[in-house]
């Protein structure tokens, strides 16, 4: 699924990589971003970010409340602390909405560890919230290939 900015210049894309249904129902997503800012293009990706299905369901429920009230926020956290956080929120009294993505990943060198951080965000077209909700619901179920 792809979440586009209201100006269609930036996006966050989430593609299911793996599903776990036995021990802790969860899904691994490849998350890619492309953000345009004043003519400069920034991009990054993380090939495997795990989320519990329970946290995805709560996020979808919170998105439905956000869509109905145009107030508050819905936040999704990865299973690994501080690895990924996605937040969709209303930012004014008129019900305009935005998305913010935080990603972090350690990089190990010879005797040294560096923490790579990325934070991006952009305004969304509020009429697209239902499509965004459908997209997140689609991430809950593996696609049947039969």
N, C-alpha and C. Protein backbone atom coordinates (compact mmCIF):
# COMPACT_ATOMS: atom_id res chain seq x y z
N UNK A 1 0.84 -1.17 0.00
CA UNK A 1 0.00 0.00 0.00
C UNK A 1 0.88 1.23 0.00
N UNK A 2 0.39 2.28 -0.60
CA UNK A 2 1.14 3.53 -0.69
C UNK A 2 0.28 4.66 -0.15
N UNK A 3 0.85 5.46 0.75
CA UNK A 3 0.19 6.65 1.29
C UNK A 3 0.85 7.85 0.63
N UNK A 4 0.06 8.60 -0.14
CA UNK A 4 0.56 9.76 -0.88
C UNK A 4 0.31 11.06 -0.14
N UNK A 5 1.22 12.00 -0.30
CA UNK A 5 1.00 13.34 0.25
C UNK A 5 -0.11 14.03 -0.54
N UNK A 6 -0.67 15.08 0.04
CA UNK A 6 -1.76 15.78 -0.64
C UNK A 6 -1.30 16.42 -1.95
N UNK A 7 0.00 16.73 -2.07
CA UNK A 7 0.50 17.30 -3.33
C UNK A 7 1.04 16.23 -4.29
N UNK A 8 0.94 14.94 -3.87
CA UNK A 8 1.36 13.80 -4.69
C UNK A 8 2.87 13.77 -4.96
N UNK A 9 3.66 14.51 -4.18
CA UNK A 9 5.11 14.58 -4.37
C UNK A 9 5.87 13.61 -3.47
N UNK A 10 5.26 13.19 -2.37
CA UNK A 10 5.92 12.33 -1.39
C UNK A 10 5.04 11.13 -1.10
N UNK A 11 5.67 10.04 -0.64
CA UNK A 11 4.88 8.87 -0.28
C UNK A 11 5.62 8.01 0.74
N UNK A 12 4.81 7.18 1.42
CA UNK A 12 5.31 6.11 2.27
C UNK A 12 4.67 4.84 1.74
N UNK A 13 5.49 3.85 1.44
CA UNK A 13 4.98 2.60 0.88
C UNK A 13 5.28 1.46 1.84
N UNK A 14 4.29 0.59 2.04
CA UNK A 14 4.42 -0.56 2.92
C UNK A 14 4.02 -1.81 2.15
N UNK A 15 4.95 -2.76 2.05
CA UNK A 15 4.71 -3.99 1.30
C UNK A 15 4.90 -5.17 2.26
N UNK A 16 3.88 -6.05 2.37
CA UNK A 16 4.04 -7.22 3.24
C UNK A 16 5.15 -8.13 2.73
N UNK A 17 5.99 -8.58 3.66
CA UNK A 17 7.11 -9.46 3.33
C UNK A 17 6.86 -10.86 3.87
N UNK A 18 6.36 -10.93 5.12
CA UNK A 18 6.19 -12.22 5.78
C UNK A 18 5.08 -12.11 6.82
N UNK A 19 4.36 -13.21 7.00
CA UNK A 19 3.30 -13.28 8.01
C UNK A 19 3.64 -14.38 9.01
N UNK A 20 3.38 -14.11 10.27
CA UNK A 20 3.53 -15.11 11.33
C UNK A 20 2.16 -15.28 11.98
N UNK A 21 1.64 -16.51 11.98
CA UNK A 21 0.32 -16.73 12.56
C UNK A 21 0.35 -17.68 13.75
N UNK A 22 1.46 -18.37 13.97
CA UNK A 22 1.53 -19.37 15.03
C UNK A 22 1.73 -18.76 16.42
N UNK A 23 2.92 -18.26 16.69
CA UNK A 23 3.30 -17.86 18.04
C UNK A 23 2.75 -16.48 18.43
N UNK A 24 3.08 -15.48 17.66
CA UNK A 24 2.59 -14.12 17.89
C UNK A 24 2.13 -13.59 16.54
N UNK A 25 0.82 -13.58 16.29
CA UNK A 25 0.34 -13.12 14.98
C UNK A 25 0.90 -11.74 14.65
N UNK A 26 1.64 -11.69 13.54
CA UNK A 26 2.34 -10.46 13.18
C UNK A 26 2.63 -10.45 11.69
N UNK A 27 3.04 -9.28 11.21
CA UNK A 27 3.38 -9.11 9.81
C UNK A 27 4.67 -8.29 9.71
N UNK A 28 5.53 -8.70 8.78
CA UNK A 28 6.75 -7.96 8.48
C UNK A 28 6.49 -7.13 7.22
N UNK A 29 6.82 -5.85 7.29
CA UNK A 29 6.62 -4.96 6.15
C UNK A 29 7.94 -4.39 5.68
N UNK A 30 8.08 -4.24 4.37
CA UNK A 30 9.16 -3.43 3.83
C UNK A 30 8.59 -2.02 3.74
N UNK A 31 9.26 -1.07 4.38
CA UNK A 31 8.77 0.31 4.39
C UNK A 31 9.75 1.18 3.62
N UNK A 32 9.22 1.88 2.62
CA UNK A 32 10.02 2.79 1.80
C UNK A 32 9.39 4.17 1.85
N UNK A 33 10.23 5.18 1.83
CA UNK A 33 9.73 6.55 1.77
C UNK A 33 10.42 7.30 0.65
N UNK A 34 9.69 8.22 0.09
CA UNK A 34 10.24 9.17 -0.85
C UNK A 34 9.61 10.51 -0.49
N UNK A 35 10.44 11.46 -0.11
CA UNK A 35 9.93 12.76 0.34
C UNK A 35 10.57 13.87 -0.46
N UNK A 36 9.74 14.77 -0.93
CA UNK A 36 10.21 15.92 -1.69
C UNK A 36 10.08 17.16 -0.81
N UNK A 37 11.17 17.93 -0.74
CA UNK A 37 11.16 19.14 0.07
C UNK A 37 11.92 20.24 -0.66
N UNK A 38 11.20 21.25 -1.11
CA UNK A 38 11.81 22.39 -1.79
C UNK A 38 12.73 21.95 -2.93
N UNK A 39 12.26 21.00 -3.73
CA UNK A 39 13.01 20.56 -4.89
C UNK A 39 14.04 19.48 -4.62
N UNK A 40 14.22 19.09 -3.35
CA UNK A 40 15.18 18.04 -3.01
C UNK A 40 14.41 16.76 -2.71
N UNK A 41 14.89 15.64 -3.23
CA UNK A 41 14.24 14.36 -3.03
C UNK A 41 15.05 13.54 -2.03
N UNK A 42 14.37 13.02 -1.02
CA UNK A 42 14.99 12.16 -0.01
C UNK A 42 14.30 10.81 -0.07
N UNK A 43 15.07 9.74 0.08
CA UNK A 43 14.46 8.42 0.08
C UNK A 43 15.21 7.50 1.04
N UNK A 44 14.49 6.51 1.55
CA UNK A 44 15.07 5.53 2.45
C UNK A 44 14.14 4.33 2.50
N UNK A 45 14.65 3.21 3.00
CA UNK A 45 13.80 2.04 3.17
C UNK A 45 14.35 1.15 4.27
N UNK A 46 13.47 0.34 4.81
CA UNK A 46 13.84 -0.70 5.76
C UNK A 46 13.15 -1.96 5.27
N UNK A 47 13.92 -3.02 4.95
CA UNK A 47 13.32 -4.19 4.31
C UNK A 47 12.48 -5.08 5.22
N UNK A 48 12.63 -4.97 6.54
CA UNK A 48 11.84 -5.82 7.44
C UNK A 48 11.54 -5.10 8.74
N UNK A 49 10.31 -4.67 8.88
CA UNK A 49 9.83 -4.07 10.13
C UNK A 49 8.62 -4.88 10.57
N UNK A 50 8.69 -5.45 11.77
CA UNK A 50 7.61 -6.31 12.28
C UNK A 50 6.61 -5.52 13.13
N UNK A 51 5.32 -5.81 12.89
CA UNK A 51 4.22 -5.24 13.67
C UNK A 51 3.31 -6.38 14.10
N UNK A 52 2.79 -6.33 15.32
CA UNK A 52 1.81 -7.34 15.72
C UNK A 52 0.50 -7.05 15.02
N UNK A 53 -0.25 -8.10 14.74
CA UNK A 53 -1.57 -7.91 14.13
C UNK A 53 -2.49 -7.16 15.10
N UNK A 54 -2.31 -7.38 16.39
CA UNK A 54 -3.11 -6.68 17.40
C UNK A 54 -2.87 -5.17 17.32
N UNK A 55 -1.60 -4.75 17.18
CA UNK A 55 -1.30 -3.31 17.09
C UNK A 55 -1.84 -2.72 15.79
N UNK A 56 -1.81 -3.50 14.70
CA UNK A 56 -2.38 -3.03 13.43
C UNK A 56 -3.90 -2.85 13.55
N UNK A 57 -4.57 -3.80 14.21
CA UNK A 57 -6.02 -3.70 14.39
C UNK A 57 -6.38 -2.48 15.23
N UNK A 58 -5.61 -2.22 16.29
CA UNK A 58 -5.85 -1.03 17.14
C UNK A 58 -5.63 0.24 16.33
N UNK A 59 -4.58 0.26 15.51
CA UNK A 59 -4.28 1.41 14.65
C UNK A 59 -5.44 1.66 13.69
N UNK A 60 -5.96 0.62 13.08
CA UNK A 60 -7.09 0.74 12.15
C UNK A 60 -8.33 1.27 12.88
N UNK A 61 -8.58 0.77 14.08
CA UNK A 61 -9.71 1.26 14.88
C UNK A 61 -9.54 2.75 15.19
N UNK A 62 -8.33 3.15 15.57
CA UNK A 62 -8.06 4.56 15.86
C UNK A 62 -8.17 5.42 14.60
N UNK A 63 -7.78 4.87 13.45
CA UNK A 63 -7.94 5.60 12.18
C UNK A 63 -9.42 5.83 11.87
N UNK A 64 -10.25 4.84 12.15
CA UNK A 64 -11.69 5.00 11.94
C UNK A 64 -12.25 6.12 12.82
N UNK A 65 -11.80 6.19 14.08
CA UNK A 65 -12.23 7.28 14.97
C UNK A 65 -11.74 8.63 14.46
N UNK A 66 -10.50 8.67 13.99
CA UNK A 66 -9.94 9.90 13.44
C UNK A 66 -10.74 10.35 12.21
N UNK A 67 -11.09 9.41 11.36
CA UNK A 67 -11.87 9.74 10.17
C UNK A 67 -13.24 10.29 10.54
N UNK A 68 -13.86 9.71 11.57
CA UNK A 68 -15.20 10.14 11.97
C UNK A 68 -15.19 11.51 12.65
N UNK A 69 -14.17 11.78 13.47
CA UNK A 69 -14.16 13.00 14.28
C UNK A 69 -13.23 14.09 13.75
N UNK A 70 -12.25 13.70 12.94
CA UNK A 70 -11.19 14.60 12.47
C UNK A 70 -10.50 15.30 13.64
N UNK A 71 -10.35 14.53 14.73
CA UNK A 71 -9.61 14.98 15.91
C UNK A 71 -8.77 13.82 16.41
N UNK A 72 -7.64 14.15 17.04
CA UNK A 72 -6.82 13.12 17.66
C UNK A 72 -5.80 12.53 16.71
N UNK A 73 -5.36 11.31 17.07
CA UNK A 73 -4.28 10.66 16.32
C UNK A 73 -4.42 9.15 16.40
N UNK A 74 -3.81 8.48 15.43
CA UNK A 74 -3.67 7.03 15.43
C UNK A 74 -2.18 6.75 15.26
N UNK A 75 -1.62 5.92 16.14
CA UNK A 75 -0.19 5.66 16.11
C UNK A 75 0.07 4.16 16.10
N UNK A 76 0.99 3.75 15.24
CA UNK A 76 1.38 2.35 15.10
C UNK A 76 2.86 2.22 15.44
N UNK A 77 3.19 1.32 16.38
CA UNK A 77 4.57 1.10 16.81
C UNK A 77 5.04 -0.28 16.35
N UNK A 78 6.28 -0.36 15.93
CA UNK A 78 6.87 -1.65 15.56
C UNK A 78 7.08 -2.50 16.80
N UNK A 79 7.27 -3.81 16.58
CA UNK A 79 7.54 -4.72 17.69
C UNK A 79 8.88 -4.40 18.35
N UNK A 80 9.89 -4.07 17.56
CA UNK A 80 11.19 -3.67 18.11
C UNK A 80 11.09 -2.22 18.55
N UNK A 81 11.37 -1.94 19.81
CA UNK A 81 11.24 -0.57 20.31
C UNK A 81 12.05 0.44 19.48
N UNK A 82 11.42 1.54 19.17
CA UNK A 82 12.04 2.67 18.47
C UNK A 82 12.46 2.38 17.04
N UNK A 83 12.12 1.21 16.49
CA UNK A 83 12.51 0.92 15.11
C UNK A 83 11.63 1.68 14.12
N UNK A 84 10.32 1.73 14.41
CA UNK A 84 9.41 2.42 13.49
C UNK A 84 8.17 2.89 14.24
N UNK A 85 7.74 4.09 13.93
CA UNK A 85 6.49 4.63 14.46
C UNK A 85 5.81 5.40 13.34
N UNK A 86 4.55 5.06 13.09
CA UNK A 86 3.74 5.74 12.08
C UNK A 86 2.59 6.40 12.81
N UNK A 87 2.40 7.69 12.59
CA UNK A 87 1.32 8.42 13.24
C UNK A 87 0.55 9.21 12.19
N UNK A 88 -0.76 9.07 12.20
CA UNK A 88 -1.64 9.88 11.36
C UNK A 88 -2.50 10.69 12.32
N UNK A 89 -2.56 12.00 12.11
CA UNK A 89 -3.17 12.87 13.11
C UNK A 89 -3.83 14.09 12.47
N UNK A 90 -4.84 14.60 13.18
CA UNK A 90 -5.46 15.87 12.80
C UNK A 90 -4.61 16.98 13.40
N UNK A 91 -4.32 18.01 12.61
CA UNK A 91 -3.42 19.05 13.13
C UNK A 91 -4.07 20.42 13.25
N UNK A 92 -5.36 20.54 12.94
CA UNK A 92 -6.04 21.81 13.17
C UNK A 92 -7.53 21.56 13.41
N UNK A 93 -8.25 22.62 13.75
CA UNK A 93 -9.67 22.48 14.07
C UNK A 93 -10.53 22.22 12.83
N UNK A 94 -9.97 22.40 11.65
CA UNK A 94 -10.71 22.14 10.41
C UNK A 94 -10.67 20.68 9.98
N UNK A 95 -9.86 19.87 10.67
CA UNK A 95 -9.80 18.45 10.36
C UNK A 95 -8.77 18.07 9.32
N UNK A 96 -7.82 18.96 9.04
CA UNK A 96 -6.73 18.58 8.14
C UNK A 96 -5.88 17.51 8.82
N UNK A 97 -5.36 16.58 8.03
CA UNK A 97 -4.61 15.47 8.60
C UNK A 97 -3.23 15.36 7.97
N UNK A 98 -2.32 14.73 8.72
CA UNK A 98 -0.95 14.54 8.26
C UNK A 98 -0.46 13.18 8.75
N UNK A 99 0.64 12.74 8.17
CA UNK A 99 1.29 11.51 8.60
C UNK A 99 2.72 11.85 9.00
N UNK A 100 3.20 11.16 10.03
CA UNK A 100 4.60 11.30 10.45
C UNK A 100 5.17 9.89 10.58
N UNK A 101 6.37 9.70 10.08
CA UNK A 101 7.05 8.42 10.15
C UNK A 101 8.41 8.62 10.80
N UNK A 102 8.69 7.79 11.81
CA UNK A 102 10.01 7.76 12.44
C UNK A 102 10.58 6.37 12.24
N UNK A 103 11.80 6.28 11.72
CA UNK A 103 12.48 4.99 11.58
C UNK A 103 13.88 5.14 12.17
N UNK A 104 14.36 4.05 12.76
CA UNK A 104 15.68 4.04 13.36
C UNK A 104 16.28 2.65 13.19
N UNK A 105 17.56 2.59 12.91
CA UNK A 105 18.23 1.31 12.70
C UNK A 105 19.69 1.44 13.13
N UNK A 106 20.18 0.48 13.92
CA UNK A 106 21.60 0.53 14.29
C UNK A 106 22.49 0.08 13.13
N UNK A 107 23.64 0.71 13.02
CA UNK A 107 24.65 0.32 12.04
C UNK A 107 25.92 0.01 12.83
N UNK A 108 26.39 -1.22 12.71
CA UNK A 108 27.56 -1.64 13.47
C UNK A 108 28.81 -1.56 12.61
N UNK A 109 29.83 -0.93 13.15
CA UNK A 109 31.12 -0.85 12.48
C UNK A 109 32.14 -1.61 13.30
N UNK A 110 33.40 -1.39 13.02
CA UNK A 110 34.46 -2.04 13.77
C UNK A 110 34.60 -1.34 15.12
N UNK A 111 34.03 -1.96 16.15
CA UNK A 111 34.12 -1.41 17.49
C UNK A 111 33.23 -0.20 17.74
N UNK A 112 32.35 0.12 16.82
CA UNK A 112 31.51 1.30 16.98
C UNK A 112 30.11 1.02 16.45
N UNK A 113 29.11 1.55 17.14
CA UNK A 113 27.73 1.42 16.68
C UNK A 113 27.18 2.82 16.45
N UNK A 114 26.53 3.00 15.30
CA UNK A 114 25.89 4.26 14.96
C UNK A 114 24.40 4.02 14.83
N UNK A 115 23.61 4.93 15.33
CA UNK A 115 22.16 4.81 15.22
C UNK A 115 21.70 5.73 14.09
N UNK A 116 21.14 5.14 13.04
CA UNK A 116 20.62 5.93 11.92
C UNK A 116 19.15 6.24 12.20
N UNK A 117 18.79 7.51 12.09
CA UNK A 117 17.42 7.96 12.36
C UNK A 117 16.87 8.66 11.13
N UNK A 118 15.58 8.47 10.92
CA UNK A 118 14.88 9.17 9.85
C UNK A 118 13.53 9.62 10.40
N UNK A 119 13.20 10.86 10.16
CA UNK A 119 11.88 11.37 10.50
C UNK A 119 11.38 12.14 9.29
N UNK A 120 10.17 11.82 8.86
CA UNK A 120 9.56 12.53 7.75
C UNK A 120 8.07 12.64 8.00
N UNK A 121 7.44 13.48 7.25
CA UNK A 121 6.00 13.62 7.37
C UNK A 121 5.48 14.55 6.30
N UNK A 122 4.18 14.51 6.11
CA UNK A 122 3.56 15.38 5.13
C UNK A 122 2.05 15.40 5.35
N UNK A 123 1.41 16.41 4.78
CA UNK A 123 -0.04 16.51 4.85
C UNK A 123 -0.67 15.49 3.91
N UNK A 124 -1.85 15.02 4.33
CA UNK A 124 -2.62 14.07 3.54
C UNK A 124 -3.89 14.73 3.04
N UNK A 125 -4.43 14.22 1.96
CA UNK A 125 -5.76 14.61 1.52
C UNK A 125 -6.74 13.90 2.45
N UNK A 126 -7.49 14.63 3.28
CA UNK A 126 -8.36 13.97 4.25
C UNK A 126 -9.43 13.07 3.62
N UNK A 127 -9.77 13.32 2.37
CA UNK A 127 -10.75 12.45 1.71
C UNK A 127 -10.16 11.09 1.38
N UNK A 128 -8.85 10.92 1.54
CA UNK A 128 -8.19 9.64 1.27
C UNK A 128 -8.10 8.74 2.50
N UNK A 129 -8.59 9.22 3.66
CA UNK A 129 -8.47 8.42 4.88
C UNK A 129 -9.12 7.04 4.75
N UNK A 130 -10.28 6.95 4.12
CA UNK A 130 -10.93 5.64 3.96
C UNK A 130 -10.08 4.70 3.12
N UNK A 131 -9.44 5.21 2.07
CA UNK A 131 -8.55 4.38 1.26
C UNK A 131 -7.32 3.94 2.07
N UNK A 132 -6.82 4.82 2.91
CA UNK A 132 -5.68 4.49 3.77
C UNK A 132 -6.08 3.39 4.75
N UNK A 133 -7.28 3.50 5.33
CA UNK A 133 -7.78 2.48 6.25
C UNK A 133 -7.90 1.14 5.52
N UNK A 134 -8.47 1.14 4.31
CA UNK A 134 -8.58 -0.09 3.52
C UNK A 134 -7.19 -0.69 3.25
N UNK A 135 -6.23 0.16 2.96
CA UNK A 135 -4.87 -0.31 2.71
C UNK A 135 -4.27 -1.00 3.92
N UNK A 136 -4.45 -0.41 5.11
CA UNK A 136 -3.93 -1.05 6.32
C UNK A 136 -4.67 -2.34 6.63
N UNK A 137 -5.97 -2.39 6.37
CA UNK A 137 -6.71 -3.65 6.56
C UNK A 137 -6.15 -4.73 5.64
N UNK A 138 -5.78 -4.35 4.43
CA UNK A 138 -5.21 -5.30 3.48
C UNK A 138 -3.89 -5.88 3.93
N UNK A 139 -3.17 -5.16 4.79
CA UNK A 139 -1.88 -5.66 5.29
C UNK A 139 -2.06 -6.77 6.32
N UNK A 140 -3.27 -6.92 6.85
CA UNK A 140 -3.52 -7.93 7.88
C UNK A 140 -3.57 -9.35 7.34
N UNK A 141 -3.94 -9.52 6.08
CA UNK A 141 -4.16 -10.85 5.53
C UNK A 141 -3.19 -11.14 4.39
N UNK A 142 -2.58 -12.32 4.41
CA UNK A 142 -1.75 -12.70 3.26
C UNK A 142 -2.60 -12.79 2.00
N UNK A 143 -2.02 -12.43 0.87
CA UNK A 143 -2.72 -12.52 -0.41
C UNK A 143 -2.70 -13.97 -0.86
N UNK A 144 -3.86 -14.50 -1.17
CA UNK A 144 -3.96 -15.88 -1.62
C UNK A 144 -3.47 -15.98 -3.06
N UNK A 145 -2.66 -17.00 -3.34
CA UNK A 145 -2.13 -17.18 -4.69
C UNK A 145 -2.75 -18.40 -5.37
N UNK A 146 -3.88 -18.87 -4.87
CA UNK A 146 -4.51 -20.05 -5.47
C UNK A 146 -5.38 -19.70 -6.65
